[in-house]
Protein backbone atom coordinates (compact mmCIF):
# COMPACT_ATOMS: atom_id res chain seq x y z
CA MET A 1 94.92 227.48 257.20
CA PHE A 2 96.80 230.52 255.94
CA TYR A 3 97.07 234.19 256.70
CA ASN A 4 97.68 236.93 254.19
CA VAL A 5 95.76 239.70 255.93
CA GLY A 6 98.05 242.33 257.43
CA MET A 7 101.20 240.62 256.12
CA ASP A 8 103.70 242.52 254.01
CA SER A 9 105.93 240.86 251.44
CA PHE A 10 108.81 240.15 253.83
CA ASP A 11 106.44 238.66 256.42
CA LYS A 12 105.16 236.31 253.73
CA LEU A 13 108.69 235.51 252.63
CA ARG A 14 109.67 234.55 256.16
CA LEU A 15 106.57 232.38 256.53
CA LEU A 16 106.89 230.74 253.12
CA ASN A 17 110.55 229.95 253.63
CA GLU A 18 110.09 227.83 256.72
CA ASN A 19 111.70 224.48 255.95
CA MET A 20 112.50 225.32 252.32
CA ASP A 21 115.41 222.88 252.75
CA VAL A 22 113.01 220.21 251.49
CA GLU A 23 113.82 221.60 248.05
CA GLU A 24 117.01 220.94 246.13
CA GLY A 25 120.08 221.26 248.29
CA PHE A 26 121.74 224.62 248.42
CA LEU A 27 123.98 225.94 251.15
CA SER A 28 121.77 228.22 253.22
CA THR A 29 122.87 231.45 254.81
CA ARG A 30 121.08 234.55 256.05
CA PHE A 31 121.22 238.21 255.24
CA PHE A 32 119.63 241.30 256.75
CA GLU A 33 117.49 243.88 255.03
CA SER A 34 117.31 247.41 256.36
CA CYS A 35 113.69 248.50 256.47
CA GLU A 36 113.91 252.28 256.38
CA SER A 37 110.23 252.84 257.09
CA MET A 38 110.45 250.92 260.38
CA LYS A 39 114.09 251.78 261.20
CA ILE A 40 114.90 248.17 262.07
CA GLU A 41 116.84 245.34 260.54
CA ARG A 42 114.71 242.51 259.25
CA GLN A 43 116.04 239.06 258.62
CA ILE A 44 115.64 237.63 255.12
CA PRO A 45 115.60 233.82 255.34
CA ASN A 46 116.91 231.35 252.80
CA VAL A 47 119.25 233.31 250.68
CA THR A 48 121.23 230.38 249.36
CA TYR A 49 124.24 229.74 247.13
CA ALA A 50 124.13 227.81 243.89
CA LYS A 51 127.09 226.79 241.75
CA LEU A 52 126.96 227.66 238.08
CA PRO A 53 128.86 225.92 235.26
CA GLY A 54 132.47 227.05 235.54
CA GLY A 55 132.46 227.01 239.32
CA GLU A 56 131.01 230.46 240.10
CA SER A 57 128.70 230.57 243.13
CA ILE A 58 125.87 233.09 243.23
CA PRO A 59 123.35 233.99 245.95
CA LEU A 60 119.75 233.06 245.17
CA LEU A 61 116.50 233.90 246.86
CA LYS A 62 114.95 230.48 247.45
CA THR A 63 111.21 230.77 247.99
CA MET A 64 107.72 229.65 247.00
CA VAL A 65 104.72 231.15 245.29
CA SER A 66 102.57 229.42 247.92
CA SER A 67 103.00 227.16 250.95
CA ILE A 68 99.42 225.92 250.45
CA CYS A 69 99.51 222.39 249.03
CA GLU A 70 96.77 219.94 248.12
CA LYS A 71 99.11 216.94 248.41
CA ASN A 72 99.58 215.03 251.65
CA CYS A 73 103.12 213.70 251.32
CA ASN A 74 104.11 211.70 254.39
CA TYR A 75 107.44 213.42 255.06
CA CYS A 76 106.77 217.01 254.00
CA PHE A 77 106.57 220.14 256.15
CA PHE A 78 104.04 221.61 253.69
CA ARG A 79 101.67 218.59 253.50
CA SER A 80 98.00 219.54 253.42
CA GLY A 81 97.29 217.71 256.68
CA ARG A 82 99.58 219.91 258.80
CA ASP A 83 97.99 222.82 260.65
CA PHE A 84 100.31 225.81 260.43
CA PRO A 85 100.10 229.37 259.06
CA ARG A 86 100.46 229.55 255.29
CA ALA A 87 100.77 232.32 252.75
CA ILE A 88 100.62 232.97 249.03
CA PHE A 89 102.31 235.56 246.82
CA GLN A 90 100.78 237.22 243.82
CA PRO A 91 103.28 237.03 240.92
CA ASN A 92 103.75 240.79 240.62
CA GLU A 93 104.26 241.15 244.38
CA LEU A 94 106.88 238.40 244.42
CA ALA A 95 108.69 239.82 241.39
CA GLU A 96 108.82 243.32 242.90
CA MET A 97 110.16 242.04 246.23
CA PHE A 98 112.84 239.96 244.50
CA LEU A 99 113.94 242.91 242.38
CA LYS A 100 114.36 245.08 245.48
CA MET A 101 116.70 242.44 246.93
CA GLU A 102 118.54 242.09 243.62
CA LYS A 103 118.98 245.86 243.35
CA LYS A 104 120.57 245.96 246.80
CA LYS A 105 122.89 243.09 245.71
CA VAL A 106 121.55 240.72 248.36
CA VAL A 107 120.78 238.16 245.63
CA LYS A 108 121.61 237.61 241.97
CA GLY A 109 119.03 234.98 241.10
CA LEU A 110 115.82 233.23 242.09
CA PHE A 111 114.92 229.63 242.92
CA LEU A 112 111.13 229.49 242.72
CA SER A 113 108.94 226.59 243.79
CA SER A 114 105.41 226.24 245.14
CA GLY A 115 102.97 224.03 246.91
CA ILE A 116 100.81 222.10 244.47
CA LEU A 117 97.42 223.65 243.73
CA GLY A 118 94.89 222.92 241.00
CA HIS A 119 96.54 219.55 240.26
CA GLY A 120 99.76 221.48 239.64
CA ILE A 121 98.32 223.53 236.78
CA PHE A 122 97.34 226.56 238.90
CA SER A 123 100.72 226.67 240.71
CA GLN A 124 102.59 226.27 237.43
CA ASP A 125 100.78 229.24 235.94
CA LYS A 126 101.80 231.41 238.91
CA ILE A 127 105.46 230.42 238.58
CA ILE A 128 105.35 231.15 234.84
CA GLU A 129 103.66 234.51 235.40
CA THR A 130 106.30 235.54 237.96
CA ALA A 131 109.13 234.59 235.59
CA GLU A 132 107.44 236.39 232.71
CA ILE A 133 107.15 239.59 234.75
CA LEU A 134 110.84 239.43 235.63
CA ARG A 135 112.07 238.63 232.13
CA LYS A 136 109.72 240.63 229.90
CA LYS A 137 108.57 243.55 232.01
CA HIS A 138 111.76 244.17 234.01
CA LYS A 139 114.30 242.66 231.57
CA PHE A 140 115.95 240.68 234.38
CA GLN A 141 119.00 238.91 232.93
CA GLY A 142 120.08 236.92 235.97
CA TYR A 143 119.64 233.30 237.01
CA LEU A 144 116.21 231.67 237.33
CA HIS A 145 115.73 228.12 238.59
CA LEU A 146 112.05 227.30 238.15
CA LYS A 147 110.20 224.25 239.42
CA VAL A 148 108.01 222.09 237.22
CA MET A 149 104.88 221.09 239.13
CA PRO A 150 103.81 217.43 239.07
CA GLY A 151 100.81 217.31 236.77
CA ALA A 152 101.79 220.35 234.69
CA GLU A 153 100.78 220.38 231.03
CA LYS A 154 103.32 220.20 228.22
CA ASP A 155 102.51 223.70 226.93
CA GLN A 156 103.03 225.08 230.43
CA ILE A 157 106.41 223.38 230.64
CA ARG A 158 107.43 224.80 227.26
CA HIS A 159 106.36 228.27 228.41
CA LEU A 160 108.30 227.89 231.67
CA MET A 161 111.42 226.80 229.81
CA MET A 162 111.37 229.98 227.76
CA TYR A 163 112.49 231.96 230.82
CA ALA A 164 114.52 229.52 232.96
CA ASP A 165 118.23 228.81 233.27
CA ARG A 166 117.35 225.56 235.01
CA VAL A 167 114.12 223.63 235.50
CA SER A 168 113.58 220.77 237.91
CA ILE A 169 110.92 218.37 239.09
CA ASN A 170 111.40 216.25 242.19
CA LEU A 171 111.15 212.52 241.56
CA GLU A 172 111.41 211.86 245.33
CA GLY A 173 111.41 208.06 245.04
CA PRO A 174 113.48 205.89 242.68
CA ASN A 175 110.47 203.87 241.53
CA PRO A 176 106.65 203.86 241.85
CA ASP A 177 106.62 201.73 245.02
CA ARG A 178 108.99 204.05 246.90
CA LEU A 179 107.09 207.14 245.73
CA GLU A 180 103.84 205.53 246.94
CA CYS A 181 105.38 205.29 250.41
CA LEU A 182 106.59 208.90 250.39
CA ALA A 183 103.75 210.62 248.53
CA PRO A 184 100.64 208.43 248.09
CA GLN A 185 98.78 211.05 246.04
CA LYS A 186 101.51 211.51 243.43
CA ARG A 187 101.64 209.41 240.28
CA TYR A 188 105.16 208.37 239.30
CA PHE A 189 104.77 208.04 235.54
CA GLU A 190 101.77 210.25 234.76
CA GLU A 191 102.76 213.29 236.85
CA ILE A 192 106.57 213.18 237.03
CA ILE A 193 108.27 210.95 234.45
CA ASN A 194 105.99 212.34 231.73
CA CYS A 195 107.11 215.87 232.65
CA LEU A 196 110.77 214.85 232.40
CA GLN A 197 110.05 213.28 229.03
CA TRP A 198 108.39 216.46 227.77
CA ILE A 199 111.29 218.60 228.98
CA HIS A 200 113.73 216.33 227.16
CA GLU A 201 111.62 216.33 223.97
CA ILE A 202 111.41 220.13 223.96
CA ARG A 203 115.15 220.48 224.52
CA THR A 204 116.07 218.06 221.76
CA SER A 205 113.43 218.67 219.09
CA GLU A 206 112.60 222.38 219.20
CA PHE A 207 114.72 225.42 218.41
CA ALA A 208 115.78 227.58 221.36
CA ASN A 209 115.85 230.86 219.44
CA ARG A 210 112.60 232.01 221.06
CA THR A 211 113.83 231.51 224.62
CA PHE A 212 114.95 234.49 226.69
CA LYS A 213 118.62 233.50 226.50
CA ASN A 214 118.50 231.58 223.21
CA GLN A 215 119.19 228.28 224.90
CA TRP A 216 117.08 225.69 226.69
CA PRO A 217 117.52 225.34 230.45
CA SER A 218 119.35 222.49 232.14
CA ILE A 219 117.41 219.87 234.13
CA SER A 220 117.71 218.49 237.66
CA THR A 221 115.72 216.35 240.09
CA GLN A 222 115.85 215.26 243.73
CA PHE A 223 115.39 212.10 245.77
CA VAL A 224 114.33 211.87 249.41
CA VAL A 225 116.72 209.44 251.09
CA GLY A 226 115.75 207.15 253.93
CA PRO A 227 112.11 206.90 255.02
CA ALA A 228 110.88 204.75 252.12
CA LYS A 229 113.62 202.19 252.93
CA GLU A 230 114.99 202.31 249.41
CA SER A 231 118.49 200.94 248.83
CA ASP A 232 121.44 202.80 247.35
CA ASN A 233 121.29 200.31 244.50
CA GLU A 234 117.77 201.52 243.66
CA LEU A 235 118.74 205.20 243.85
CA ILE A 236 121.91 204.81 241.78
CA SER A 237 120.15 202.65 239.20
CA ALA A 238 117.41 205.28 238.84
CA SER A 239 120.07 208.02 238.63
CA SER A 240 121.91 206.16 235.89
CA ASP A 241 118.69 205.82 233.91
CA LEU A 242 117.85 209.53 234.36
CA PHE A 243 121.27 210.68 233.19
CA ARG A 244 121.05 208.39 230.17
CA ARG A 245 117.44 209.08 229.14
CA PHE A 246 116.99 212.74 229.97
CA LYS A 247 120.54 214.14 230.09
CA LEU A 248 120.09 215.65 233.54
CA SER A 249 122.71 218.13 234.72
CA ARG A 250 122.36 217.29 238.39
CA ILE A 251 120.62 214.91 240.76
CA TYR A 252 120.13 216.03 244.36
CA PHE A 253 119.75 213.79 247.40
CA MET A 254 117.98 214.98 250.55
CA ALA A 255 118.80 212.99 253.68
CA PHE A 256 115.51 212.62 255.52
CA SER A 257 114.91 214.58 258.71
CA PRO A 258 111.61 214.03 260.56
CA VAL A 259 108.98 216.77 260.73
CA ILE A 260 106.49 216.87 263.59
CA ASN A 261 102.83 216.28 262.82
CA THR A 262 103.58 214.11 259.80
CA PRO A 263 103.18 210.31 259.46
CA PHE A 264 106.98 210.00 259.44
CA GLU A 265 107.63 212.11 262.54
CA ASN A 266 108.93 209.10 264.52
CA ILE A 267 111.29 207.80 261.82
CA ALA A 268 114.94 208.44 262.61
CA ALA A 269 116.87 211.00 260.57
CA GLU A 270 119.01 209.55 257.78
CA ASN A 271 122.78 209.46 258.17
CA PRO A 272 124.20 212.46 256.22
CA VAL A 273 127.21 210.33 255.23
CA ARG A 274 124.86 208.22 253.14
CA GLU A 275 123.68 211.35 251.32
CA ASN A 276 127.32 212.23 250.61
CA ARG A 277 128.08 208.76 249.22
CA LEU A 278 125.08 209.04 246.88
CA TYR A 279 126.31 212.40 245.61
CA GLN A 280 129.75 210.87 244.99
CA ALA A 281 128.16 207.99 243.09
CA SER A 282 126.05 210.34 240.96
CA PHE A 283 129.13 212.36 239.98
CA LEU A 284 130.91 209.13 239.01
CA LEU A 285 127.98 208.29 236.74
CA ARG A 286 127.77 211.76 235.26
CA ASP A 287 131.43 212.74 234.86
CA TYR A 288 133.67 209.69 235.26
CA GLY A 289 132.23 207.04 232.99
CA PHE A 290 131.08 204.71 235.78
CA GLN A 291 128.31 202.19 235.09
CA MET A 292 126.11 200.29 237.51
CA GLU A 293 128.44 197.29 237.45
CA ASP A 294 131.28 199.48 238.75
CA PHE A 295 129.62 200.01 242.15
CA TYR A 296 129.97 197.60 245.05
CA PHE A 297 126.98 197.15 247.36
CA ASP A 298 126.62 195.22 250.61
CA GLU A 299 123.99 192.54 251.20
CA THR A 300 121.34 195.21 251.79
CA GLY A 301 122.10 196.93 248.49
CA ASN A 302 123.89 199.89 250.05
CA LEU A 303 127.27 201.56 249.50
CA SER A 304 129.98 201.58 252.13
CA LEU A 305 129.68 204.45 254.59
CA SER A 306 133.34 204.19 255.56
CA GLN A 307 134.79 204.49 252.06
CA ASP A 308 133.81 206.51 249.00
CA PRO A 309 132.66 204.45 245.96
CA LYS A 310 135.59 205.45 243.75
CA THR A 311 138.11 204.27 246.33
CA THR A 312 136.13 201.04 246.78
CA TRP A 313 136.39 200.38 243.04
CA ALA A 314 140.12 201.18 243.00
CA GLU A 315 140.84 198.91 245.97
CA LYS A 316 139.24 196.01 244.14
CA ASN A 317 140.63 196.73 240.67
CA LEU A 318 143.86 198.76 240.89
CA LEU A 319 145.51 197.78 244.14
CA GLU A 320 147.04 194.61 242.70
CA CYS A 321 147.24 195.95 239.13
CA PRO A 322 148.24 199.64 239.36
CA LEU A 323 147.76 201.87 236.35
CA GLU A 324 150.75 203.05 234.29
CA ILE A 325 150.30 206.79 234.49
CA ASN A 326 152.46 207.49 231.42
CA LYS A 327 150.28 205.35 229.16
CA ALA A 328 146.78 205.43 230.67
CA SER A 329 143.91 207.01 228.74
CA LYS A 330 141.88 209.84 230.24
CA GLU A 331 139.05 207.42 230.97
CA GLU A 332 141.45 205.15 232.87
CA LEU A 333 143.01 208.04 234.79
CA LEU A 334 139.59 209.16 235.98
CA ARG A 335 139.26 205.82 237.82
CA VAL A 336 142.18 206.67 240.13
CA PRO A 337 141.28 208.21 243.53
CA GLY A 338 142.57 211.75 243.74
CA ILE A 339 142.44 212.28 239.97
CA GLY A 340 139.51 214.25 238.61
CA VAL A 341 138.86 215.77 235.22
CA LYS A 342 141.22 218.73 235.73
CA ARG A 343 144.12 216.59 236.97
CA ALA A 344 143.59 213.99 234.24
CA ASN A 345 143.90 216.80 231.69
CA ASN A 346 147.06 218.04 233.47
CA ILE A 347 148.62 214.58 233.21
CA ILE A 348 147.87 214.30 229.49
CA ALA A 349 149.21 217.80 228.81
CA PHE A 350 152.41 217.08 230.78
CA ARG A 351 152.96 213.76 228.96
CA GLN A 352 152.95 215.48 225.59
CA LYS A 353 156.36 216.98 226.47
CA ASN A 354 157.79 214.82 229.26
CA LEU A 355 157.40 211.46 230.90
CA ILE A 356 156.20 211.54 234.49
CA ARG A 357 159.17 210.08 236.36
CA ASN A 358 159.13 211.19 239.99
CA LEU A 359 157.31 212.69 242.92
CA ASP A 360 158.24 216.22 241.92
CA HIS A 361 156.51 215.70 238.59
CA LEU A 362 153.41 214.40 240.37
CA ASN A 363 153.41 217.39 242.72
CA PHE A 364 153.76 219.76 239.77
CA ILE A 365 150.74 218.20 238.07
CA GLY A 366 148.78 218.32 241.33
CA ILE A 367 148.64 214.58 242.06
CA SER A 368 148.63 213.60 245.74
CA PHE A 369 150.92 210.69 246.60
CA GLU A 370 148.77 209.93 249.65
CA LYS A 371 145.55 209.65 247.64
CA SER A 372 146.78 208.20 244.35
CA GLY A 373 150.20 206.67 244.93
CA LYS A 374 149.28 203.02 245.56
CA TYR A 375 147.09 202.86 242.44
CA ILE A 376 149.62 204.02 239.83
CA LEU A 377 152.98 203.07 238.31
CA LEU A 378 155.75 205.35 237.05
CA ASP A 379 157.53 203.66 234.15
CA GLY A 380 156.49 200.29 235.52
CA LYS A 381 157.60 201.03 239.10
CA LYS A 382 155.35 201.15 242.12
CA LEU A 383 155.53 204.29 244.18
CA GLY A 384 156.75 203.91 247.75
CA SER A 385 158.70 205.55 250.52
CA GLN A 386 161.90 204.87 248.59
CA LEU A 387 160.65 206.85 245.57
CA ARG A 388 163.08 209.72 245.96
CA LEU A 389 166.03 207.31 245.83
CA PHE A 390 165.49 206.74 242.12
CA GLN A 391 164.33 210.19 241.07
CA PHE A 392 166.13 211.58 238.02
């Protein structure tokens, strides 16, 4: 059931944005909009922050074309079997409301999703139409993250990609069996993997000179963690395959939280530490050269909750054989806890002029003795409390 009668755009926005945290993880906050006609302040839900390449964070309006959905996913707030008020935007209405918020500097970009209607084709058209209004009619230059609907056609995806900075489609489960548990009406290969394949083919085989920004958008996806009883091994293996096959920019993990009036309402919420460990593992795959064989799983196929996966690897591989910091390659340095891409580059730049000989040098480069000290050597010497005795 849904209600549009008598609702203005901000009423719809508030209704549509209930539980939008089921979509890809952004840090949520809230802003207030002054409604001059009513002389009151009205709360705008789900203005969220997204990080762009280079580290800049920008506020996005995170909303949906429609909260009506024909799918009956077992965990989802918006599943068709739940009885709650729903709403739908017309593309022009949504575009106009967003532009009012953008003009008042409440937001700088838009994350736009939708419930699935018309086997995904109808909802995809509405997302495309909204983006087209913003880009072509209003010449909006800012950030657009647009969802690909399961079941969308390849031409629709190509059209969507003409306007987006990022596109995403939620895989939800790491394999067909886990998706069957989460979303029995969704088809893993036909509706989701095929869409990822089409996105990748378009990005790699077609020129981007007809897109709004003369470049194809980046790609991301999301997994639901917990209720399907998948292991970390399954999720990380699927992530590794996605990075390799489709060159994804980001994989999101949503720790499950139960929603009333769903089949999973009595399943316990997933430990958020597990979500964090999965993010750490995905970054190691994407940025640090880790492979599946570099992760250590317990007998249930899960990562340690008490220790991050990079430290686990270092404890097993570097504790007895520390790395000579003055000779190590960038790839080797990235295996040391406390050393990321920026600090690895700092080490290499410093070594071009000087050897790293003491704690002061490490501090200058930005290397923490507490995090990295027991895994590295300085000119063949282990670091210890006596380090300053032989500084020179």
